C-alpha atoms as a PDB file:
ATOM      1  CA  MET A   1      25.679   6.393  17.116  1.00  0.00           C
ATOM      2  CA  LYS A   2      24.245   2.750  16.229  1.00  0.00           C
ATOM      3  CA  LYS A   3      22.701   2.629  19.641  1.00  0.00           C
ATOM      4  CA  ILE A   4      21.141   5.966  19.331  1.00  0.00           C
ATOM      5  CA  PHE A   5      19.769   4.972  15.940  1.00  0.00           C
ATOM      6  CA  PHE A   6      18.119   1.958  17.387  1.00  0.00           C
ATOM      7  CA  ILE A   7      16.607   3.927  20.282  1.00  0.00           C
ATOM      8  CA  THR A   8      15.221   6.374  17.636  1.00  0.00           C
ATOM      9  CA  MET A   9      13.686   3.772  15.578  1.00  0.00           C
ATOM     10  CA  GLY A  10      12.177   2.166  18.883  1.00  0.00           C
ATOM     11  CA  ALA A  11      10.627   5.539  19.764  1.00  0.00           C
ATOM     12  CA  LEU A  12       9.146   6.048  16.527  1.00  0.00           C
ATOM     13  CA  LEU A  13       7.329   2.930  16.684  1.00  0.00           C
ATOM     14  CA  LEU A  14       6.085   3.871  20.254  1.00  0.00           C
ATOM     15  CA  VAL A  15       4.687   6.944  18.693  1.00  0.00           C
ATOM     16  CA  LEU A  16       2.878   4.661  16.319  1.00  0.00           C
ATOM     17  CA  ALA A  17       1.078   2.877  19.209  1.00  0.00           C
ATOM     18  CA  PRO A  18      -1.760   5.524  19.568  1.00  0.00           C
ATOM     19  CA  ILE A  19      -2.222   5.082  15.650  1.00  0.00           C
ATOM     20  CA  TYR A  20      -2.548   1.527  16.199  1.00  0.00           C
ATOM     21  CA  LEU A  21      -5.216   1.929  18.741  1.00  0.00           C
ATOM     22  CA  TYR A  22      -7.063   4.337  16.542  1.00  0.00           C
ATOM     23  CA  ILE A  23      -7.129   2.118  13.789  1.00  0.00           C
ATOM     24  CA  ARG A  24      -8.272  -0.666  15.902  1.00  0.00           C
ATOM     25  CA  VAL A  25     -11.188   1.226  17.426  1.00  0.00           C
ATOM     26  CA  PHE A  26     -12.110   2.564  13.867  1.00  0.00           C
ATOM     27  CA  SER A  27     -12.008  -0.926  12.383  1.00  0.00           C
ATOM     28  CA  LYS A  28     -14.322  -2.283  15.012  1.00  0.00           C
ATOM     29  CA  GLU A  29     -16.899   0.251  14.551  1.00  0.00           C
ATOM     30  CA  SER A  30     -16.731   0.277  10.618  1.00  0.00           C
ATOM     31  CA  THR A  31     -15.655  -3.199   9.636  1.00  0.00           C
ATOM     32  CA  THR A  32     -16.797  -6.633   9.869  1.00  0.00           C
ATOM     33  CA  PRO A  33     -14.518  -8.247  12.232  1.00  0.00           C
ATOM     34  CA  ALA A  34     -12.047 -10.931  11.271  1.00  0.00           C
ATOM     35  CA  GLN A  35     -10.592 -13.640  13.451  1.00  0.00           C
ATOM     36  CA  GLN A  36      -7.225 -14.769  14.289  1.00  0.00           C
ATOM     37  CA  PRO A  37      -5.634 -16.483  11.319  1.00  0.00           C
ATOM     38  CA  GLU A  38      -4.670 -19.601  12.943  1.00  0.00           C
ATOM     39  CA  GLN A  39      -8.376 -20.559  13.429  1.00  0.00           C
ATOM     40  CA  ASN A  40      -9.597 -19.924  10.107  1.00  0.00           C
ATOM     41  CA  ALA A  41      -9.418 -21.902   6.990  1.00  0.00           C
ATOM     42  CA  THR A  42      -8.954 -18.816   4.754  1.00  0.00           C
ATOM     43  CA  LYS A  43      -7.355 -18.187   1.194  1.00  0.00           C
ATOM     44  CA  ASP A  44      -4.054 -16.054   1.177  1.00  0.00           C
ATOM     45  CA  LYS A  45      -3.604 -12.894  -0.919  1.00  0.00           C
ATOM     46  CA  GLU A  46      -0.324 -11.252  -2.264  1.00  0.00           C
ATOM     47  CA  TYR A  47      -0.084  -7.782  -1.385  1.00  0.00           C
ATOM     48  CA  ILE A  48       2.402  -5.350  -3.156  1.00  0.00           C
ATOM     49  CA  PHE A  49       3.883  -2.652  -1.216  1.00  0.00           C
ATOM     50  CA  GLU A  50       4.815  -0.628  -4.242  1.00  0.00           C
ATOM     51  CA  GLU A  51       7.073   2.142  -2.820  1.00  0.00           C
ATOM     52  CA  LEU A  52       8.973  -0.527  -0.867  1.00  0.00           C
ATOM     53  CA  GLY A  53       9.486  -2.772  -3.757  1.00  0.00           C
ATOM     54  CA  ILE A  54       8.266  -5.809  -1.563  1.00  0.00           C
ATOM     55  CA  SER A  55       5.333  -8.193  -1.419  1.00  0.00           C
ATOM     56  CA  LEU A  56       3.883 -10.158   1.540  1.00  0.00           C
ATOM     57  CA  VAL A  57       1.368 -13.137   1.495  1.00  0.00           C
ATOM     58  CA  VAL A  58      -1.448 -12.386   3.858  1.00  0.00           C
ATOM     59  CA  PRO A  59      -4.461 -14.446   4.720  1.00  0.00           C
ATOM     60  CA  GLU A  60      -7.653 -12.811   3.410  1.00  0.00           C
ATOM     61  CA  ASP A  61      -9.411 -12.400   6.790  1.00  0.00           C
ATOM     62  CA  LEU A  62      -6.568  -9.738   7.884  1.00  0.00           C
ATOM     63  CA  HIS A  63      -6.885  -6.065   7.163  1.00  0.00           C
ATOM     64  CA  VAL A  64      -3.802  -4.463   5.194  1.00  0.00           C
ATOM     65  CA  ILE A  65      -3.341  -0.909   5.531  1.00  0.00           C
ATOM     66  CA  LYS A  66      -0.743   0.916   3.326  1.00  0.00           C
ATOM     67  CA  SER A  67       0.369   4.494   4.335  1.00  0.00           C
ATOM     68  CA  PRO A  68       3.121   6.142   2.416  1.00  0.00           C
ATOM     69  CA  GLY A  69       4.275   9.584   3.564  1.00  0.00           C
ATOM     70  CA  PHE A  70       5.372  12.090   0.763  1.00  0.00           C
ATOM     71  CA  ASN A  71       6.931  15.348   1.145  1.00  0.00           C
ATOM     72  CA  ALA A  72       4.578  17.955   0.066  1.00  0.00           C
ATOM     73  CA  SER A  73       7.130  20.231  -1.445  1.00  0.00           C
ATOM     74  CA  THR A  74       9.284  17.700  -3.014  1.00  0.00           C
ATOM     75  CA  GLY A  75       7.087  14.700  -3.578  1.00  0.00           C
ATOM     76  CA  LYS A  76       9.664  12.358  -2.508  1.00  0.00           C
ATOM     77  CA  LEU A  77       8.780   9.742  -0.082  1.00  0.00           C
ATOM     78  CA  GLU A  78       9.725  10.409   3.330  1.00  0.00           C
ATOM     79  CA  SER A  79       8.177   7.484   5.190  1.00  0.00           C
ATOM     80  CA  TYR A  80       6.266   4.456   4.723  1.00  0.00           C
ATOM     81  CA  THR A  81       4.033   2.956   7.437  1.00  0.00           C
ATOM     82  CA  PHE A  82       1.881  -0.393   7.034  1.00  0.00           C
ATOM     83  CA  TYR A  83      -0.380  -2.428   9.157  1.00  0.00           C
ATOM     84  CA  ILE A  84      -1.736  -5.882   8.836  1.00  0.00           C
ATOM     85  CA  GLN A  85      -4.264  -6.795  11.412  1.00  0.00           C
ATOM     86  CA  ASN A  86      -7.565  -8.331  12.762  1.00  0.00           C
ATOM     87  CA  TYR A  87     -10.082  -6.253  14.585  1.00  0.00           C
ATOM     88  CA  GLY A  88      -9.899  -7.432  18.097  1.00  0.00           C
ATOM     89  CA  ASP A  89     -13.336  -9.189  17.836  1.00  0.00           C
ATOM     90  CA  GLU A  90     -14.758  -9.618  21.284  1.00  0.00           C
ATOM     91  CA  SER A  91     -16.132 -12.858  19.988  1.00  0.00           C
ATOM     92  CA  GLY A  92     -12.935 -14.013  18.619  1.00  0.00           C
ATOM     93  CA  PRO A  93     -10.130 -16.059  19.838  1.00  0.00           C
ATOM     94  CA  ALA A  94      -8.740 -15.654  23.347  1.00  0.00           C
ATOM     95  CA  THR A  95      -5.230 -14.538  22.302  1.00  0.00           C
ATOM     96  CA  GLY A  96      -6.926 -11.155  21.517  1.00  0.00           C
ATOM     97  CA  ASP A  97      -5.760  -8.566  19.062  1.00  0.00           C
ATOM     98  CA  PHE A  98      -3.144  -9.240  16.177  1.00  0.00           C
ATOM     99  CA  GLN A  99      -1.220  -6.667  14.350  1.00  0.00           C
ATOM    100  CA  ILE A 100       1.844  -6.282  12.317  1.00  0.00           C
ATOM    101  CA  TYR A 101       3.028  -2.822  11.799  1.00  0.00           C
ATOM    102  CA  GLY A 102       6.027  -1.798   9.733  1.00  0.00           C
ATOM    103  CA  LEU A 103       8.174   1.295   9.377  1.00  0.00           C
ATOM    104  CA  TYR A 104      10.705   2.319   6.555  1.00  0.00           C
ATOM    105  CA  GLN A 105      12.253   5.867   6.535  1.00  0.00           C
ATOM    106  CA  PRO A 106      14.260   6.214   2.993  1.00  0.00           C
ATOM    107  CA  SER A 107      15.176   9.944   4.406  1.00  0.00           C
ATOM    108  CA  LEU A 108      17.536   8.313   7.029  1.00  0.00           C
ATOM    109  CA  PRO A 109      21.312   7.945   6.247  1.00  0.00           C
ATOM    110  CA  GLU A 110      22.316   4.565   4.619  1.00  0.00           C
ATOM    111  CA  ILE A 111      23.445   1.922   6.865  1.00  0.00           C
ATOM    112  CA  THR A 112      25.465  -1.226   6.250  1.00  0.00           C
ATOM    113  CA  PRO A 113      24.839  -5.046   7.449  1.00  0.00           C
ATOM    114  CA  GLU A 114      27.509  -4.211  10.226  1.00  0.00           C
ATOM    115  CA  ASP A 115      25.230  -1.292  11.486  1.00  0.00           C
ATOM    116  CA  ILE A 116      22.005  -3.332  11.629  1.00  0.00           C
ATOM    117  CA  ALA A 117      24.097  -6.105  13.532  1.00  0.00           C
ATOM    118  CA  ALA A 118      24.364  -3.727  16.380  1.00  0.00           C
ATOM    119  CA  ILE A 119      20.974  -4.498  17.642  1.00  0.00           C
ATOM    120  CA  LYS A 120      23.039  -7.557  19.310  1.00  0.00           C
ATOM    121  CA  ASP A 121      24.496  -5.234  21.728  1.00  0.00           C
ATOM    122  CA  ASP A 122      21.688  -3.205  22.572  1.00  0.00           C
ATOM    123  CA  ALA A 123      20.697  -5.068  25.830  1.00  0.00           C
ATOM    124  CA  GLU A 124      18.986  -1.964  27.175  1.00  0.00           C
ATOM    125  CA  ASN A 125      16.258  -2.032  24.630  1.00  0.00           C
ATOM    126  CA  TYR A 126      16.091  -5.785  23.317  1.00  0.00           C
ATOM    127  CA  VAL A 127      16.441  -9.399  24.597  1.00  0.00           C
ATOM    128  CA  ASN A 128      16.740 -12.636  22.647  1.00  0.00           C
ATOM    129  CA  VAL A 129      18.172 -11.164  19.695  1.00  0.00           C
ATOM    130  CA  LYS A 130      19.147 -13.738  16.948  1.00  0.00           C
ATOM    131  CA  GLU A 131      19.241 -13.843  13.047  1.00  0.00           C
ATOM    132  CA  PHE A 132      15.927 -14.114  11.047  1.00  0.00           C
ATOM    133  CA  SER A 133      15.881 -14.763   7.328  1.00  0.00           C
ATOM    134  CA  THR A 134      12.857 -14.500   4.905  1.00  0.00           C
ATOM    135  CA  GLY A 135      14.730 -16.151   2.249  1.00  0.00           C
ATOM    136  CA  ALA A 136      15.008 -12.761   0.439  1.00  0.00           C
ATOM    137  CA  ILE A 137      16.278 -10.609   3.079  1.00  0.00           C
ATOM    138  CA  GLN A 138      18.530 -11.206   6.140  1.00  0.00           C
ATOM    139  CA  GLY A 139      17.970  -9.581   9.417  1.00  0.00           C
ATOM    140  CA  TYR A 140      17.265 -10.114  13.003  1.00  0.00           C
ATOM    141  CA  GLU A 141      14.295 -10.873  15.545  1.00  0.00           C
ATOM    142  CA  ALA A 142      14.446  -9.636  19.155  1.00  0.00           C
ATOM    143  CA  ARG A 143      11.823  -9.077  22.064  1.00  0.00           C
ATOM    144  CA  GLN A 144      11.404  -5.562  22.882  1.00  0.00           C
ATOM    145  CA  LYS A 145      11.994  -4.484  26.584  1.00  0.00           C
ATOM    146  CA  GLY A 146       9.342  -2.401  28.537  1.00  0.00           C
ATOM    147  CA  GLU A 147       5.680  -2.419  29.091  1.00  0.00           C
ATOM    148  CA  ARG A 148       4.866  -3.145  25.342  1.00  0.00           C
ATOM    149  CA  ALA A 149       7.134  -6.114  25.203  1.00  0.00           C
ATOM    150  CA  ASN A 150       6.362  -6.754  21.452  1.00  0.00           C
ATOM    151  CA  TYR A 151       8.408  -8.930  19.151  1.00  0.00           C
ATOM    152  CA  VAL A 152      10.456  -6.873  16.462  1.00  0.00           C
ATOM    153  CA  TYR A 153      12.353  -7.884  13.234  1.00  0.00           C
ATOM    154  CA  PHE A 154      14.903  -5.489  11.612  1.00  0.00           C
ATOM    155  CA  PHE A 155      15.675  -6.030   7.783  1.00  0.00           C
ATOM    156  CA  LEU A 156      18.028  -4.228   5.763  1.00  0.00           C
ATOM    157  CA  LEU A 157      16.279  -3.069   2.672  1.00  0.00           C
ATOM    158  CA  ASN A 158      18.026  -0.763   0.149  1.00  0.00           C
ATOM    159  CA  GLU A 159      20.515   0.338   2.743  1.00  0.00           C
ATOM    160  CA  ARG A 160      17.713   1.329   4.996  1.00  0.00           C
ATOM    161  CA  ILE A 161      16.212  -0.439   7.908  1.00  0.00           C
ATOM    162  CA  LEU A 162      12.691  -1.883   7.783  1.00  0.00           C
ATOM    163  CA  LYS A 163      11.450  -2.345  11.057  1.00  0.00           C
ATOM    164  CA  ILE A 164       8.487  -4.725  11.926  1.00  0.00           C
ATOM    165  CA  ALA A 165       6.723  -5.126  15.048  1.00  0.00           C
ATOM    166  CA  VAL A 166       4.201  -7.605  16.369  1.00  0.00           C
ATOM    167  CA  SER A 167       1.375  -6.815  18.855  1.00  0.00           C
ATOM    168  CA  GLN A 168       0.269  -8.200  21.096  1.00  0.00           C
ATOM    169  CA  GLY A 169       3.604 -10.129  21.927  1.00  0.00           C
ATOM    170  CA  THR A 170       2.192 -13.381  22.350  1.00  0.00           C
ATOM    171  CA  GLU A 171       3.744 -16.592  20.858  1.00  0.00           C
ATOM    172  CA  ILE A 172       0.743 -17.313  18.880  1.00  0.00           C
ATOM    173  CA  ASN A 173       0.828 -13.830  17.370  1.00  0.00           C
ATOM    174  CA  LYS A 174       4.558 -14.414  16.662  1.00  0.00           C
ATOM    175  CA  ALA A 175       4.068 -17.668  14.991  1.00  0.00           C
ATOM    176  CA  ALA A 176       1.191 -15.992  12.784  1.00  0.00           C
ATOM    177  CA  ALA A 177       3.422 -13.050  11.951  1.00  0.00           C
ATOM    178  CA  GLU A 178       6.616 -15.022  10.911  1.00  0.00           C
ATOM    179  CA  LYS A 179       4.525 -17.194   8.713  1.00  0.00           C
ATOM    180  CA  ILE A 180       3.581 -13.898   6.897  1.00  0.00           C
ATOM    181  CA  LEU A 181       7.117 -12.565   7.144  1.00  0.00           C
ATOM    182  CA  LYS A 182       8.464 -15.799   5.756  1.00  0.00           C
ATOM    183  CA  THR A 183       6.691 -14.861   2.292  1.00  0.00           C
ATOM    184  CA  LEU A 184       8.479 -11.495   2.014  1.00  0.00           C
ATOM    185  CA  LYS A 185      10.178 -11.093  -1.175  1.00  0.00           C
ATOM    186  CA  VAL A 186      11.514  -8.450  -3.160  1.00  0.00           C
ATOM    187  CA  ILE A 187       9.660  -7.653  -6.498  1.00  0.00           C
ATOM    188  CA  GLU A 188      11.029  -6.230  -9.716  1.00  0.00           C
ATOM    189  CA  LYS A 189      12.073  -2.662  -9.273  1.00  0.00           C
ATOM    190  CA  ILE A 190       8.900  -0.299  -9.830  1.00  0.00           C
ATOM    191  CA  GLN A 191       9.257   1.904 -12.834  1.00  0.00           C
ATOM    192  CA  THR A 192       9.017   5.606 -11.606  1.00  0.00           C
ATOM    193  CA  ILE A 193       8.690   9.105 -13.477  1.00  0.00           C
ATOM    194  CA  ASP A 194      12.007  10.559 -13.781  1.00  0.00           C
ATOM    195  CA  ASP A 195      11.249  12.625 -16.978  1.00  0.00           C
ATOM    196  CA  THR A 196       7.734  13.751 -16.876  1.00  0.00           C
ATOM    197  CA  GLU A 197       4.892  15.798 -18.532  1.00  0.00           C
ATOM    198  CA  ALA A 198       2.232  17.496 -16.641  1.00  0.00           C
ATOM    199  CA  THR A 199       0.089  18.690 -19.585  1.00  0.00           C
ATOM    200  CA  ALA A 200      -0.152  17.956 -23.267  1.00  0.00           C
ATOM    201  CA  PRO A 201      -2.570  18.580 -26.269  1.00  0.00           C
ATOM    202  CA  GLY A 202      -5.439  16.271 -25.574  1.00  0.00           C
ATOM    203  CA  MET A 203      -5.728  16.334 -21.988  1.00  0.00           C
ATOM    204  CA  ARG A 204      -8.720  18.354 -20.618  1.00  0.00           C
ATOM    205  CA  LYS A 205      -8.026  21.893 -19.425  1.00  0.00           C
ATOM    206  CA  GLU A 206      -9.694  21.480 -16.186  1.00  0.00           C
ATOM    207  CA  TYR A 207      -7.268  19.100 -14.800  1.00  0.00           C
ATOM    208  CA  ASN A 208      -3.746  17.649 -15.206  1.00  0.00           C
ATOM    209  CA  PHE A 209      -1.265  15.081 -13.876  1.00  0.00           C
ATOM    210  CA  SER A 210       2.136  13.753 -14.437  1.00  0.00           C
ATOM    211  CA  TYR A 211       2.898  10.994 -16.534  1.00  0.00           C
ATOM    212  CA  PRO A 212       6.214   9.533 -18.536  1.00  0.00           C
ATOM    213  CA  LYS A 213       7.482  11.697 -21.303  1.00  0.00           C
ATOM    214  CA  GLY A 214       6.948  10.461 -24.594  1.00  0.00           C
ATOM    215  CA  TRP A 215       3.532   8.482 -23.715  1.00  0.00           C
ATOM    216  CA  LYS A 216       0.653   9.107 -26.035  1.00  0.00           C
ATOM    217  CA  VAL A 217      -2.046  11.474 -24.710  1.00  0.00           C
ATOM    218  CA  ALA A 218      -5.762  11.504 -26.600  1.00  0.00           C
ATOM    219  CA  LYS A 219      -9.282  12.400 -25.758  1.00  0.00           C
ATOM    220  CA  VAL A 220     -11.514   9.434 -26.038  1.00  0.00           C
ATOM    221  CA  ASN A 221     -15.305  10.303 -25.759  1.00  0.00           C
ATOM    222  CA  ASN A 222     -15.699  11.401 -22.054  1.00  0.00           C
ATOM    223  CA  ALA A 223     -12.077  10.393 -21.023  1.00  0.00           C
ATOM    224  CA  THR A 224      -8.662  11.572 -21.359  1.00  0.00           C
ATOM    225  CA  SER A 225      -6.385   8.489 -21.896  1.00  0.00           C
ATOM    226  CA  VAL A 226      -2.651   8.283 -21.671  1.00  0.00           C
ATOM    227  CA  THR A 227      -0.916   5.089 -22.970  1.00  0.00           C
ATOM    228  CA  SER A 228       2.529   3.490 -22.873  1.00  0.00           C
ATOM    229  CA  PRO A 229       4.755   3.209 -25.850  1.00  0.00           C
ATOM    230  CA  ASP A 230       4.004  -0.644 -26.159  1.00  0.00           C
ATOM    231  CA  TYR A 231       0.171  -0.117 -25.851  1.00  0.00           C
ATOM    232  CA  LYS A 232      -1.646  -2.569 -27.962  1.00  0.00           C
ATOM    233  CA  MET A 233      -5.339  -3.587 -28.169  1.00  0.00           C
ATOM    234  CA  SER A 234      -6.339  -6.924 -30.027  1.00  0.00           C
ATOM    235  CA  GLY A 235      -8.114  -6.602 -33.521  1.00  0.00           C
ATOM    236  CA  ASP A 236     -11.548  -5.993 -32.073  1.00  0.00           C
ATOM    237  CA  ASP A 237     -10.325  -3.622 -29.519  1.00  0.00           C
ATOM    238  CA  THR A 238     -11.676  -5.549 -26.747  1.00  0.00           C
ATOM    239  CA  VAL A 239      -8.583  -7.139 -24.932  1.00  0.00           C
ATOM    240  CA  LEU A 240      -5.470  -5.304 -23.985  1.00  0.00           C
ATOM    241  CA  GLU A 241      -2.398  -7.306 -25.217  1.00  0.00           C
ATOM    242  CA  THR A 242       0.660  -5.353 -24.250  1.00  0.00           C
ATOM    243  CA  GLY A 243       1.464  -2.093 -22.308  1.00  0.00           C
ATOM    244  CA  ILE A 244      -0.903  -0.078 -19.970  1.00  0.00           C
ATOM    245  CA  GLU A 245      -3.363   2.880 -20.043  1.00  0.00           C
ATOM    246  CA  LEU A 246      -4.021   5.634 -17.698  1.00  0.00           C
ATOM    247  CA  ALA A 247      -7.372   7.281 -18.231  1.00  0.00           C
ATOM    248  CA  VAL A 248      -9.489   9.816 -16.442  1.00  0.00           C
ATOM    249  CA  TYR A 249     -13.215   9.410 -16.917  1.00  0.00           C
ATOM    250  CA  LYS A 250     -15.897  12.102 -16.055  1.00  0.00           C
ATOM    251  CA  LYS A 251     -19.769  11.895 -15.767  1.00  0.00           C
ATOM    252  CA  ARG A 252     -22.677  13.203 -13.832  1.00  0.00           C
ATOM    253  CA  ALA A 253     -22.930  11.506 -10.588  1.00  0.00           C
ATOM    254  CA  ASP A 254     -26.204   9.927  -9.324  1.00  0.00           C
ATOM    255  CA  SER A 255     -25.298  10.318  -5.465  1.00  0.00           C
ATOM    256  CA  ALA A 256     -23.862  12.650  -3.169  1.00  0.00           C
ATOM    257  CA  THR A 257     -20.812  10.580  -2.076  1.00  0.00           C
ATOM    258  CA  ILE A 258     -18.668   8.073  -3.974  1.00  0.00           C
ATOM    259  CA  ASN A 259     -19.735   5.520  -1.302  1.00  0.00           C
ATOM    260  CA  GLU A 260     -23.193   5.836  -2.153  1.00  0.00           C
ATOM    261  CA  GLU A 261     -22.582   5.982  -5.816  1.00  0.00           C
ATOM    262  CA  LEU A 262     -20.541   2.595  -5.597  1.00  0.00           C
ATOM    263  CA  ALA A 263     -23.598   1.000  -3.532  1.00  0.00           C
ATOM    264  CA  LEU A 264     -25.796   1.787  -6.445  1.00  0.00           C
ATOM    265  CA  ASN A 265     -24.116  -0.513  -8.830  1.00  0.00           C
ATOM    266  CA  PRO A 266     -24.461  -4.425  -8.148  1.00  0.00           C
ATOM    267  CA  VAL A 267     -21.029  -5.094  -9.671  1.00  0.00           C
ATOM    268  CA  THR A 268     -19.233  -2.250  -7.794  1.00  0.00           C
ATOM    269  CA  LEU A 269     -21.313  -3.056  -4.663  1.00  0.00           C
ATOM    270  CA  GLN A 270     -19.806  -6.632  -4.375  1.00  0.00           C
ATOM    271  CA  ILE A 271     -16.093  -5.630  -5.277  1.00  0.00           C
ATOM    272  CA  PRO A 272     -14.012  -6.521  -2.160  1.00  0.00           C
ATOM    273  CA  ASN A 273     -10.924  -4.716  -0.452  1.00  0.00           C
ATOM    274  CA  LYS A 274     -12.134  -1.370  -1.300  1.00  0.00           C
ATOM    275  CA  THR A 275      -9.856   1.316   0.571  1.00  0.00           C
ATOM    276  CA  ASP A 276      -9.993   5.216   1.126  1.00  0.00           C
ATOM    277  CA  ALA A 277      -7.874   7.467  -0.620  1.00  0.00           C
ATOM    278  CA  VAL A 278      -7.502  11.333  -1.224  1.00  0.00           C
ATOM    279  CA  VAL A 279      -7.152  12.688  -4.643  1.00  0.00           C
ATOM    280  CA  ALA A 280      -6.769  16.483  -5.445  1.00  0.00           C
ATOM    281  CA  GLY A 281      -8.112  17.088  -1.810  1.00  0.00           C
ATOM    282  CA  GLN A 282     -11.198  14.976  -2.309  1.00  0.00           C
ATOM    283  CA  ASN A 283     -12.402  11.785  -0.487  1.00  0.00           C
ATOM    284  CA  ALA A 284     -12.116   8.786  -2.810  1.00  0.00           C
ATOM    285  CA  ILE A 285     -12.456   5.176  -2.978  1.00  0.00           C
ATOM    286  CA  ARG A 286      -9.940   2.671  -4.458  1.00  0.00           C
ATOM    287  CA  TYR A 287     -10.437  -0.618  -5.588  1.00  0.00           C
ATOM    288  CA  GLU A 288      -9.342  -3.433  -8.222  1.00  0.00           C
ATOM    289  CA  TYR A 289     -11.668  -5.116 -10.528  1.00  0.00           C
ATOM    290  CA  SER A 290     -11.563  -7.464 -13.492  1.00  0.00           C
ATOM    291  CA  TYR A 291     -14.718  -7.671 -15.486  1.00  0.00           C
ATOM    292  CA  GLU A 292     -15.489  -8.409 -19.282  1.00  0.00           C
ATOM    293  CA  GLY A 293     -11.849  -8.840 -20.267  1.00  0.00           C
ATOM    294  CA  VAL A 294     -10.841  -5.348 -18.320  1.00  0.00           C
ATOM    295  CA  ASN A 295      -7.971  -5.836 -15.490  1.00  0.00           C
ATOM    296  CA  ALA A 296      -7.723  -2.492 -13.649  1.00  0.00           C
ATOM    297  CA  ILE A 297      -7.354  -0.440 -10.516  1.00  0.00           C
ATOM    298  CA  MET A 298      -9.984   2.383 -10.177  1.00  0.00           C
ATOM    299  CA  THR A 299      -9.855   5.430  -7.679  1.00  0.00           C
ATOM    300  CA  GLU A 300     -13.084   7.376  -7.930  1.00  0.00           C
ATOM    301  CA  PHE A 301     -14.261  10.634  -6.342  1.00  0.00           C
ATOM    302  CA  ILE A 302     -17.276  12.994  -6.782  1.00  0.00           C
ATOM    303  CA  LYS A 303     -16.607  16.828  -6.986  1.00  0.00           C
ATOM    304  CA  ASP A 304     -19.249  19.357  -7.673  1.00  0.00           C
ATOM    305  CA  GLY A 305     -21.823  16.802  -8.845  1.00  0.00           C
ATOM    306  CA  MET A 306     -19.481  15.106 -11.313  1.00  0.00           C
ATOM    307  CA  ARG A 307     -17.995  11.651 -10.792  1.00  0.00           C
ATOM    308  CA  TYR A 308     -14.257  11.461 -11.835  1.00  0.00           C
ATOM    309  CA  SER A 309     -12.721   8.019 -12.313  1.00  0.00           C
ATOM    310  CA  LEU A 310      -8.900   7.454 -12.644  1.00  0.00           C
ATOM    311  CA  ARG A 311      -8.131   4.139 -14.194  1.00  0.00           C
ATOM    312  CA  TYR A 312      -5.215   2.155 -14.453  1.00  0.00           C
ATOM    313  CA  ARG A 313      -5.753  -0.707 -17.023  1.00  0.00           C
ATOM    314  CA  PHE A 314      -3.086  -3.465 -17.460  1.00  0.00           C
ATOM    315  CA  THR A 315      -2.780  -6.861 -19.086  1.00  0.00           C
ATOM    316  CA  ALA A 316      -2.034  -9.016 -16.065  1.00  0.00           C
ATOM    317  CA  GLU A 317      -0.394  -9.292 -12.639  1.00  0.00           C
ATOM    318  CA  ASP A 318       3.241  -8.700 -13.984  1.00  0.00           C
ATOM    319  CA  SER A 319       2.542  -5.443 -15.869  1.00  0.00           C
ATOM    320  CA  LYS A 320       0.343  -4.063 -12.778  1.00  0.00           C
ATOM    321  CA  ASN A 321       3.209  -4.523 -10.498  1.00  0.00           C
ATOM    322  CA  ILE A 322       5.995  -3.128 -12.880  1.00  0.00           C
ATOM    323  CA  TYR A 323       4.075  -0.059 -13.639  1.00  0.00           C
ATOM    324  CA  MET A 324       2.346   0.739 -10.144  1.00  0.00           C
ATOM    325  CA  GLY A 325       4.495   3.532  -9.460  1.00  0.00           C
ATOM    326  CA  ILE A 326       3.279   5.498 -12.451  1.00  0.00           C
ATOM    327  CA  TYR A 327      -0.321   5.102 -11.434  1.00  0.00           C
ATOM    328  CA  GLU A 328       0.824   6.116  -7.807  1.00  0.00           C
ATOM    329  CA  GLU A 329       2.328   9.227  -9.285  1.00  0.00           C
ATOM    330  CA  MET A 330      -0.827  10.125 -11.543  1.00  0.00           C
ATOM    331  CA  LEU A 331      -2.913  10.060  -8.162  1.00  0.00           C
ATOM    332  CA  ARG A 332      -0.319  12.219  -6.273  1.00  0.00           C
ATOM    333  CA  THR A 333      -0.045  14.752  -8.960  1.00  0.00           C
ATOM    334  CA  PHE A 334      -3.627  14.856 -10.205  1.00  0.00           C
ATOM    335  CA  GLU A 335      -4.985  18.361  -9.759  1.00  0.00           C
ATOM    336  CA  PHE A 336      -7.806  20.672 -10.979  1.00  0.00           C
ATOM    337  CA  VAL A 337      -6.803  23.968 -12.897  1.00  0.00           C
ATOM    338  CA  ASN A 338      -9.732  25.831 -12.532  1.00  0.00           C
END
């Protein structure tokens, strides 16, 4: 049974190979290429993988893609895939393409440390199996047999396997990947919504979304604002001292698409690390910014000529991470009722 489990995990990652190729080709066409991390004196950035409850420190010249998969009926997380990669720049280093891709499936049965150790006996699929520690999580590393001889890593995370593969399977890529994996740490448990409300007096009738029961909802000019019980502004209402705020802003758009809209503003034009998202079936752009005392994550889209901005305002990095699950739930449940 254990052997079948690892074979199944290996097969699932092989299914990801076409996705990897698509992402790499798409990235070449749409994004400025980045080079191999070893040859650049770049800064590092910590990325939070909210649903997994972990973080990794990644060089800024690598692109990070998070791909959680939710069950459409239950809303529960069924799988989580992430990618950390360069773009295979033809003018880049001779080592070629670099990608870390991870797979986590919380819907699988729980396993024990003894179960994950069974990989040591799986000589049919892996070689050079040995223990690998990130400091926060114990696991194993191995070389995958077959045509795609990638390096793979297995970690026990919340009684499930987090499997991470490194492609292409070169020693240089392995060293670069392990430098990133060694930064893996378990973050404080993300707060999620167990007891929720979808609508309340004060929320606009054209849309609704889920938020924790007991939070305060109010209309604020052209917005709906939802604040945590510990929400407190400074005396002059310019600085958020404690708590968080979820808000939905609406105004008439000046452009047909959100990409064009953001390009019109010199501030949003310069914000890095914008990512694509989908909210209520609409193509959206998500980004983080800090401007004039406001620290926030914004997800924006245009529908019927109107620009909708779903903002998550927090005091500092700590509060952002703790309550991130609530913002993700807001985005996932946001819907139009008319």
